[in-house]
N, C-alpha and C. Protein backbone atom coordinates (compact mmCIF):
# COMPACT_ATOMS: atom_id res chain seq x y z
N MET A 1 111.71 116.83 142.39
CA MET A 1 110.70 116.21 141.39
C MET A 1 110.42 114.71 141.35
N PRO A 2 109.32 114.54 141.72
CA PRO A 2 108.70 113.09 142.07
C PRO A 2 108.79 112.38 140.78
N LYS A 3 109.38 110.76 141.16
CA LYS A 3 109.48 109.87 140.26
C LYS A 3 108.58 109.73 139.28
N MET A 4 108.34 109.53 138.25
CA MET A 4 107.25 108.84 137.34
C MET A 4 107.05 107.59 137.85
N SER A 5 105.47 107.26 137.75
CA SER A 5 104.88 105.75 138.25
C SER A 5 105.34 105.11 137.17
N GLN A 6 105.62 103.77 136.80
CA GLN A 6 105.00 102.81 135.98
C GLN A 6 104.09 102.94 135.33
N THR A 7 102.98 103.46 135.98
CA THR A 7 101.50 103.88 134.78
C THR A 7 101.41 104.83 134.30
N SER A 8 102.07 105.84 134.73
CA SER A 8 102.38 107.16 133.99
C SER A 8 102.34 106.69 132.63
N TRP A 9 101.91 108.19 131.86
CA TRP A 9 101.70 108.51 130.34
C TRP A 9 103.41 108.84 130.09
N ARG A 10 103.98 108.14 128.80
CA ARG A 10 105.31 108.16 128.23
C ARG A 10 104.91 108.32 126.71
N ARG A 11 105.44 109.12 125.72
CA ARG A 11 105.68 108.81 124.55
C ARG A 11 106.22 107.96 124.14
N THR A 12 105.58 107.48 123.02
CA THR A 12 106.26 106.17 122.42
C THR A 12 106.12 105.88 120.67
N GLN A 13 106.77 104.94 120.06
CA GLN A 13 106.80 105.39 118.78
C GLN A 13 105.49 104.53 118.43
N ILE A 14 104.74 104.88 117.58
CA ILE A 14 103.95 104.46 117.00
C ILE A 14 104.28 103.47 115.83
N ASN A 15 103.82 102.25 115.94
CA ASN A 15 104.06 100.93 114.41
C ASN A 15 103.18 101.15 113.51
N TYR A 16 103.68 100.17 112.23
CA TYR A 16 102.66 100.51 110.78
C TYR A 16 101.76 99.68 111.09
N GLN A 17 101.71 98.82 111.98
CA GLN A 17 100.09 98.37 112.18
C GLN A 17 99.52 99.09 113.16
N GLU A 18 99.61 99.61 113.37
CA GLU A 18 98.99 100.48 114.74
C GLU A 18 98.54 101.86 113.49
N HIS A 19 99.36 102.34 112.69
CA HIS A 19 99.39 103.41 111.61
C HIS A 19 98.12 103.21 110.77
N PHE A 20 98.04 100.95 110.75
CA PHE A 20 97.29 100.79 109.44
C PHE A 20 96.07 100.61 110.07
N PHE A 21 95.36 100.60 111.16
CA PHE A 21 94.34 100.18 111.94
C PHE A 21 93.73 101.60 112.08
N ALA A 22 94.39 102.43 112.27
CA ALA A 22 94.04 103.62 112.54
C ALA A 22 93.50 104.47 110.89
N GLY A 23 94.40 104.21 110.16
CA GLY A 23 93.57 104.26 109.06
C GLY A 23 92.44 103.56 108.49
N LEU A 24 92.25 102.42 108.41
CA LEU A 24 91.11 101.31 108.23
C LEU A 24 90.01 101.66 109.09
N VAL A 25 90.06 102.25 110.42
CA VAL A 25 88.99 103.20 111.33
C VAL A 25 88.50 104.28 110.12
N ILE A 26 89.41 104.99 109.84
CA ILE A 26 88.98 106.54 108.98
C ILE A 26 88.42 106.17 108.08
N THR A 27 89.28 104.84 106.92
CA THR A 27 88.49 104.49 105.95
C THR A 27 87.17 104.29 106.03
N ILE A 28 86.87 102.95 106.82
CA ILE A 28 85.40 102.55 107.06
C ILE A 28 84.20 103.92 107.17
N PHE A 29 85.01 104.97 108.13
CA PHE A 29 84.04 106.06 108.74
C PHE A 29 84.04 106.53 107.28
N ALA A 30 84.41 107.22 107.04
CA ALA A 30 84.67 108.27 105.91
C ALA A 30 83.97 107.42 104.90
N GLY A 31 84.10 106.23 104.73
CA GLY A 31 83.82 105.72 103.30
C GLY A 31 82.33 105.62 103.36
N PHE A 32 81.53 105.40 105.30
CA PHE A 32 80.54 104.63 105.38
C PHE A 32 79.44 106.18 104.83
N ILE A 33 79.90 107.24 105.45
CA ILE A 33 79.57 108.87 104.91
C ILE A 33 79.51 108.91 104.01
N LEU A 34 80.17 108.98 103.17
CA LEU A 34 79.91 109.16 101.59
C LEU A 34 79.06 108.36 101.04
N PHE A 35 79.04 107.14 101.52
CA PHE A 35 77.92 106.02 100.93
C PHE A 35 76.96 106.29 101.38
N LEU A 36 76.31 107.31 102.70
CA LEU A 36 74.98 107.06 103.01
C LEU A 36 75.22 108.84 102.31
N GLN A 37 75.56 109.51 101.60
CA GLN A 37 75.53 110.89 100.97
C GLN A 37 75.36 110.43 99.35
N GLY A 38 75.59 109.41 98.90
CA GLY A 38 75.52 108.89 97.61
C GLY A 38 76.92 109.46 96.56
N PHE A 39 77.96 109.21 97.46
CA PHE A 39 78.93 110.07 96.61
C PHE A 39 80.26 108.55 96.66
N LEU A 40 79.91 107.71 97.04
CA LEU A 40 80.76 106.33 97.02
C LEU A 40 79.73 105.27 97.06
N ALA A 41 79.79 104.14 95.79
CA ALA A 41 79.16 103.16 95.91
C ALA A 41 79.80 101.79 96.91
N ILE A 42 79.52 101.32 96.99
CA ILE A 42 79.98 99.89 97.87
C ILE A 42 79.65 98.89 96.39
N THR A 43 80.77 98.75 96.38
CA THR A 43 81.24 98.15 95.40
C THR A 43 82.33 97.01 95.68
N GLY A 44 82.65 95.59 94.90
CA GLY A 44 83.97 94.89 95.24
C GLY A 44 85.52 95.81 94.36
N GLN A 45 85.10 96.22 93.96
CA GLN A 45 86.53 97.47 93.08
C GLN A 45 86.43 98.30 93.79
N ASN A 46 85.13 98.85 94.72
CA ASN A 46 85.86 100.13 95.44
C ASN A 46 86.45 99.94 96.64
N ILE A 47 85.98 98.73 97.23
CA ILE A 47 86.27 97.97 98.24
C ILE A 47 88.24 98.15 98.37
N ILE A 48 88.30 97.02 97.18
CA ILE A 48 89.78 96.83 96.94
C ILE A 48 90.52 98.26 96.82
N TRP A 49 90.06 99.65 96.23
CA TRP A 49 90.70 100.55 95.96
C TRP A 49 90.70 101.61 97.48
N LEU A 50 89.91 100.99 97.94
CA LEU A 50 89.49 101.54 99.45
C LEU A 50 90.51 100.81 100.44
N LEU A 51 90.47 99.49 100.50
CA LEU A 51 91.48 99.06 101.67
C LEU A 51 93.19 99.12 100.81
N SER A 52 93.40 99.24 99.67
CA SER A 52 95.01 99.82 98.89
C SER A 52 95.26 100.94 99.34
N ILE A 53 93.83 102.23 99.27
CA ILE A 53 94.63 103.23 99.55
C ILE A 53 95.15 103.67 100.69
N SER A 54 94.34 102.89 101.67
CA SER A 54 94.52 103.18 103.25
C SER A 54 95.73 102.60 103.74
N PHE A 55 95.76 101.40 102.95
CA PHE A 55 97.40 100.85 103.31
C PHE A 55 98.49 101.35 103.17
N VAL A 56 98.66 102.24 101.82
CA VAL A 56 99.53 102.84 101.51
C VAL A 56 99.67 104.42 102.15
N PHE A 57 98.46 105.11 101.89
CA PHE A 57 98.46 106.28 102.58
C PHE A 57 98.21 106.93 104.19
N SER A 58 98.33 105.53 104.85
CA SER A 58 98.36 105.42 106.40
C SER A 58 99.41 105.25 106.57
N LEU A 59 100.51 104.53 105.57
CA LEU A 59 102.07 104.59 106.26
C LEU A 59 103.23 105.24 105.13
N LEU A 60 102.39 106.13 103.96
CA LEU A 60 103.49 106.83 103.10
C LEU A 60 104.13 107.37 104.34
N PRO A 61 104.08 108.57 104.86
CA PRO A 61 104.76 109.27 105.43
C PRO A 61 106.59 108.74 105.84
N ASP A 62 106.15 107.04 106.45
CA ASP A 62 107.03 106.89 106.44
C ASP A 62 107.97 105.88 105.37
N ILE A 63 107.72 106.70 104.39
CA ILE A 63 108.90 105.88 103.09
C ILE A 63 110.25 106.19 103.33
N ASP A 64 109.92 107.08 103.98
CA ASP A 64 111.72 107.67 103.96
C ASP A 64 112.34 107.37 105.15
N ILE A 65 112.07 105.89 105.80
CA ILE A 65 112.69 105.53 106.64
C ILE A 65 113.52 103.56 106.04
N GLY A 66 114.68 103.63 105.83
CA GLY A 66 114.74 102.46 105.02
C GLY A 66 114.25 101.49 105.51
N THR A 67 113.56 100.77 106.29
CA THR A 67 113.43 99.71 107.11
C THR A 67 112.13 99.47 107.22
N SER A 68 111.12 100.96 107.17
CA SER A 68 110.11 100.67 107.32
C SER A 68 108.80 99.74 105.71
N THR A 69 108.19 99.21 106.34
CA THR A 69 107.13 98.58 105.51
C THR A 69 106.35 99.10 103.74
N ILE A 70 106.43 100.25 104.08
CA ILE A 70 106.46 100.87 103.05
C ILE A 70 107.40 101.11 101.92
N ARG A 71 108.36 100.98 102.30
CA ARG A 71 109.51 101.62 100.88
C ARG A 71 109.80 99.91 101.24
N LYS A 72 109.62 98.76 101.80
CA LYS A 72 109.62 97.65 101.33
C LYS A 72 109.04 97.27 100.02
N VAL A 73 107.31 97.57 100.56
CA VAL A 73 106.60 97.27 99.66
C VAL A 73 106.52 98.31 98.07
N PHE A 74 107.29 99.46 98.24
CA PHE A 74 107.45 100.18 97.02
C PHE A 74 108.15 99.57 96.31
N ILE A 75 109.41 99.04 96.79
CA ILE A 75 110.63 98.77 96.11
C ILE A 75 110.46 97.57 95.49
N THR A 76 109.82 96.65 96.46
CA THR A 76 109.34 95.03 95.57
C THR A 76 108.14 95.41 94.14
N ALA A 77 107.19 96.19 94.48
CA ALA A 77 106.51 97.07 93.52
C ALA A 77 107.34 97.26 92.29
N PHE A 78 108.45 98.20 92.37
CA PHE A 78 109.47 98.42 91.53
C PHE A 78 110.19 97.87 90.79
N VAL A 79 110.58 95.80 91.45
CA VAL A 79 111.28 95.13 90.88
C VAL A 79 110.22 94.63 89.86
N ILE A 80 109.02 94.02 90.51
CA ILE A 80 108.02 93.17 89.99
C ILE A 80 107.62 93.91 88.47
N PHE A 81 107.50 95.62 88.43
CA PHE A 81 107.23 95.92 87.23
C PHE A 81 108.33 96.22 86.54
N ILE A 82 109.42 96.36 86.86
CA ILE A 82 110.53 96.09 85.74
C ILE A 82 110.89 94.74 85.34
N LEU A 83 110.44 93.58 86.19
CA LEU A 83 110.19 92.19 85.75
C LEU A 83 108.99 92.32 84.52
N ILE A 84 108.46 92.44 84.73
CA ILE A 84 106.78 92.52 84.00
C ILE A 84 106.96 93.05 82.74
N ASN A 85 107.38 94.57 83.03
CA ASN A 85 107.40 95.63 82.35
C ASN A 85 108.21 95.66 81.17
N GLY A 86 109.73 95.46 81.43
CA GLY A 86 110.79 95.84 81.03
C GLY A 86 111.00 97.57 81.69
N VAL A 87 112.60 98.02 81.01
CA VAL A 87 112.31 98.88 81.51
C VAL A 87 111.96 100.11 80.32
N ASN A 88 110.92 100.76 80.27
CA ASN A 88 110.68 102.23 79.44
C ASN A 88 110.68 103.34 81.14
N SER A 89 109.71 104.16 79.93
CA SER A 89 109.71 105.77 80.83
C SER A 89 109.52 105.35 81.86
N LEU A 90 108.29 104.62 82.01
CA LEU A 90 107.57 104.87 83.40
C LEU A 90 108.27 103.94 84.73
N GLY A 91 109.13 102.86 83.89
CA GLY A 91 110.48 102.58 84.99
C GLY A 91 111.45 103.17 85.31
N TYR A 92 111.58 104.27 84.18
CA TYR A 92 112.76 105.13 84.42
C TYR A 92 112.03 106.18 86.07
N LEU A 93 110.47 106.27 85.42
CA LEU A 93 110.20 107.50 86.20
C LEU A 93 110.00 106.59 87.98
N PHE A 94 109.71 105.57 87.75
CA PHE A 94 109.52 104.72 89.16
C PHE A 94 110.86 104.85 89.99
N GLY A 95 112.01 104.68 89.13
CA GLY A 95 113.34 104.09 89.60
C GLY A 95 113.92 105.47 89.83
N SER A 96 113.19 106.54 89.31
CA SER A 96 113.96 108.16 90.05
C SER A 96 112.85 108.14 90.72
N ILE A 97 112.20 107.55 91.54
CA ILE A 97 111.18 107.67 92.63
C ILE A 97 111.99 106.99 93.52
N VAL A 98 112.53 105.73 93.48
CA VAL A 98 113.30 104.88 94.21
C VAL A 98 114.58 105.83 94.88
N ILE A 99 115.19 105.96 93.72
CA ILE A 99 116.70 106.51 94.25
C ILE A 99 116.29 107.55 94.96
N ILE A 100 115.30 109.01 95.15
CA ILE A 100 115.34 109.91 95.20
C ILE A 100 114.59 109.29 96.96
N LEU A 101 114.02 108.54 97.49
CA LEU A 101 113.53 108.00 98.37
C LEU A 101 114.90 107.51 99.22
N LEU A 102 115.66 107.40 98.93
CA LEU A 102 117.38 107.01 99.59
C LEU A 102 117.62 108.02 100.46
N PHE A 103 117.49 109.12 99.94
CA PHE A 103 118.27 110.47 100.16
C PHE A 103 117.64 111.60 101.18
N LEU A 104 116.13 110.81 101.12
CA LEU A 104 115.04 111.84 101.97
C LEU A 104 115.29 111.37 103.42
N PRO A 105 115.06 112.47 104.22
CA PRO A 105 115.79 112.40 105.65
C PRO A 105 114.55 112.54 106.41
N HIS A 106 114.43 111.08 107.71
CA HIS A 106 113.24 111.02 108.02
C HIS A 106 112.57 112.09 109.12
N ARG A 107 111.35 112.14 108.85
CA ARG A 107 110.62 113.25 109.29
C ARG A 107 110.49 114.80 108.52
N GLY A 108 111.08 114.61 107.10
CA GLY A 108 111.36 115.47 106.54
C GLY A 108 110.10 115.55 105.45
N ILE A 109 110.09 116.32 103.91
CA ILE A 109 109.48 116.47 103.30
C ILE A 109 108.19 115.74 103.24
N MET A 110 107.76 114.30 103.51
CA MET A 110 107.11 113.12 103.72
C MET A 110 106.33 113.48 104.86
N HIS A 111 106.43 114.12 105.78
CA HIS A 111 105.60 114.24 106.99
C HIS A 111 105.14 115.40 107.69
N THR A 112 104.65 116.10 106.27
CA THR A 112 104.11 117.41 105.98
C THR A 112 102.50 117.03 105.27
N TYR A 113 101.45 118.04 105.64
CA TYR A 113 100.63 117.81 105.15
C TYR A 113 100.80 118.55 103.63
N LEU A 114 101.45 119.53 103.37
CA LEU A 114 101.26 120.23 101.96
C LEU A 114 101.95 118.32 100.78
N MET A 115 102.86 117.38 101.44
CA MET A 115 102.80 116.41 100.70
C MET A 115 101.67 115.69 100.75
N GLY A 116 101.34 115.53 101.77
CA GLY A 116 99.65 114.48 102.24
C GLY A 116 98.74 115.00 100.94
N GLY A 117 98.75 116.09 100.92
CA GLY A 117 97.59 116.65 99.86
C GLY A 117 98.31 116.77 98.37
N LEU A 118 99.60 117.06 97.72
CA LEU A 118 100.13 116.62 97.07
C LEU A 118 99.73 115.56 96.38
N LEU A 119 100.44 114.25 97.03
CA LEU A 119 100.43 113.00 96.68
C LEU A 119 98.98 112.78 96.49
N SER A 120 98.05 112.92 97.93
CA SER A 120 96.38 112.56 97.36
C SER A 120 96.15 113.64 95.93
N GLY A 121 96.12 114.35 95.73
CA GLY A 121 95.58 115.12 94.79
C GLY A 121 96.37 114.01 93.23
N LEU A 122 97.32 113.97 93.36
CA LEU A 122 97.30 113.04 92.37
C LEU A 122 97.06 112.37 91.75
N LEU A 123 95.99 111.67 92.83
CA LEU A 123 94.56 110.88 92.76
C LEU A 123 93.68 111.11 92.31
N CYS A 124 93.42 111.82 91.93
CA CYS A 124 92.51 112.69 91.27
C CYS A 124 92.46 112.90 89.67
N PHE A 125 93.95 112.99 89.24
CA PHE A 125 93.93 112.84 88.14
C PHE A 125 93.83 111.23 87.71
N TYR A 126 94.27 110.27 87.97
CA TYR A 126 93.90 108.90 87.95
C TYR A 126 91.93 108.22 88.35
N PHE A 127 91.37 108.85 89.19
CA PHE A 127 89.82 108.72 89.27
C PHE A 127 89.35 109.68 88.62
N LEU A 128 89.87 111.05 88.43
CA LEU A 128 88.61 112.19 88.22
C LEU A 128 87.39 112.02 89.10
N ASP A 129 88.22 112.38 90.07
CA ASP A 129 86.80 112.22 91.04
C ASP A 129 87.47 112.54 92.61
N TRP A 130 87.13 112.81 93.68
CA TRP A 130 87.74 113.69 94.55
C TRP A 130 87.66 112.96 95.73
N VAL A 131 86.65 111.82 95.97
CA VAL A 131 86.05 110.57 97.03
C VAL A 131 87.23 110.29 97.35
N LEU A 132 87.92 109.12 96.50
CA LEU A 132 89.09 108.46 96.79
C LEU A 132 90.62 108.65 97.26
N PRO A 133 90.38 110.38 96.66
CA PRO A 133 91.88 111.54 96.82
C PRO A 133 91.61 111.81 98.60
N LEU A 134 90.35 112.22 98.75
CA LEU A 134 90.00 112.51 100.39
C LEU A 134 90.37 111.58 101.40
N ILE A 135 89.46 110.01 101.05
CA ILE A 135 89.98 109.44 101.74
C ILE A 135 91.85 108.98 102.11
N ALA A 136 92.43 109.01 101.16
CA ALA A 136 94.03 109.59 100.94
C ALA A 136 94.08 110.46 101.89
N LEU A 137 93.93 111.32 101.63
CA LEU A 137 94.39 112.50 102.37
C LEU A 137 94.31 112.56 103.57
N LEU A 138 92.74 111.86 103.98
CA LEU A 138 92.57 111.92 105.46
C LEU A 138 93.41 110.62 106.21
N ASN A 139 94.01 109.66 105.18
CA ASN A 139 94.85 108.71 106.17
C ASN A 139 96.28 108.99 106.24
N PHE A 140 96.65 109.69 105.08
CA PHE A 140 98.08 110.65 105.36
C PHE A 140 97.80 111.49 106.71
N CYS A 141 97.33 112.11 107.29
CA CYS A 141 96.88 113.13 108.09
C CYS A 141 96.94 112.12 109.11
N SER A 142 96.04 111.09 109.13
CA SER A 142 96.41 110.43 110.24
C SER A 142 97.42 109.89 111.02
N HIS A 143 98.56 109.69 109.97
CA HIS A 143 99.19 109.40 110.18
C HIS A 143 100.50 110.47 110.96
N LEU A 144 100.30 111.80 110.32
CA LEU A 144 101.09 112.69 111.07
C LEU A 144 100.30 113.09 112.37
N ILE A 145 99.22 113.17 112.20
CA ILE A 145 98.52 113.65 113.84
C ILE A 145 99.09 112.33 114.97
N LEU A 146 98.91 110.89 114.22
CA LEU A 146 99.18 109.90 115.64
C LEU A 146 100.53 109.81 115.92
N ASP A 147 101.86 110.68 115.09
CA ASP A 147 103.05 110.54 115.43
C ASP A 147 103.07 111.70 116.15
N LYS A 148 102.13 112.48 116.68
CA LYS A 148 102.30 113.54 117.40
C LYS A 148 101.75 113.27 118.57
N ILE A 149 100.55 112.53 118.59
CA ILE A 149 99.71 112.67 119.63
C ILE A 149 99.74 110.67 120.75
N LYS A 150 100.79 109.88 119.71
CA LYS A 150 100.30 108.65 120.31
C LYS A 150 100.93 108.61 121.75
N PHE A 151 100.14 107.68 122.98
CA PHE A 151 101.02 107.68 123.88
C PHE A 151 100.66 106.47 124.21
N LYS A 152 101.35 105.57 125.03
CA LYS A 152 101.39 104.41 125.75
C LYS A 152 101.14 104.45 127.04
N PHE A 153 100.93 103.38 128.35
CA PHE A 153 100.69 103.41 129.67
C PHE A 153 102.32 102.36 129.95
């Protein structure tokens, strides 16, 4: 079998910056289409929500990696929440989620389209709308797709 040259395609790991960049591109594209169709208003608040959702959901499948950026952000948010609000029922829920994350295997349940649907679907209860949850789902799915097809020279 012939040796592969230096310029051959090889599978590589995609990093969090590439996942986030892909999520931003998808968010901008989907947001523009939803704006043109009259489903999304371009306001300062919506832009902040879009950027936040893009960041979180484009990285969320990797929350099961101990050194991942999204896990560090999530745990930092938990600590800040406890410092500001003290331990309350929401703090116990947040803490339970942090503990569960410690035991999730990488590329397990968090790397499924079902989990993407469930987690983005939860946003429907907060926003009482489908637009931002749809963008969250697109970002989550972009992560899963990029993990399967990312190649570099």
